[in-house]
Amino acid sequence: MDLPTILAATTAIGTAAYGLVDSSKAFKGGVSNIGYGFVEEALTPFRSALALVNEDAPFELAKANWINGMDVADQKIAIKGLIKLGIAPSTARELAEATPGVNANSLLDISRKLETGAPLEEMELALLARFEGVIDARLDAAFERADQRYRNTARVIAAAIAVVISEIGAFTMVMDGDQGGFLLFLQAFGIGIVAAPLAPIAKDLTSAITAASTSFKAIVR
């Protein structure tokens, strides 16, 4: 079996493993739930503002957007918009406590003006910008950690599934009379471990190796 064929078989296993991982999303979000805890943790200090928008499920929109795989930048904009929408006299003090450097009385005055539609002074706009800056920093950190946890965990799960698929293939070969024995199962394990991380680039790699091989044969001839 030549190298391109081996790579094609390996990427097929990896693709199948990723497909099985992705299909888990049909069951209450499945693997997509991984990492969301960091997002909710970052939003907890702003619960009162989010509850003002959706009292029964203040984090519902954030979770739905995360599970659906919305672009991270758009998720942050949506969340920040909800928090700003929740700035009110009843939530101002709690929100100020959650954002260092933001004066509670000043934020209270801003919330009252926002309710009445009164224009904000320059210092109040600066304070509101500081408030948004703190939210941005917390969301950036939360989404980075969440995305890292999701990607790493999904890869580990995909690798485990790829190993199982490879070992099933090896078992089938042994049952058909292949004499590889333990070595065959060991090779299947190695292929399974490599298959998951190789799958996203295997197509390009296979094409490159095939092209290089063809060029080399042409030169030799």
Foldseek 3Di string as FASTA:
>chain_A
DDDLVLLVVLLVLQVVLLVVQVVCCVPVLRLLQFLCVLVVVLCVLLQQLLCVVPVVCSCVVLSVCSSVVPDLVVSLVVVLVSSVNSQALVCQQSLCVSQPPADSVLSNVVRVCVVVVNDDDPVSVVSVVSSSVRSVVSSVVSVVRSVVRSVVVSLVSSLVSSLVVLQVVLVVVVVVPDPCPPVSNVVSNVSSNPSNVSNVPSVVVSVVVVVVVVVVVVVVD
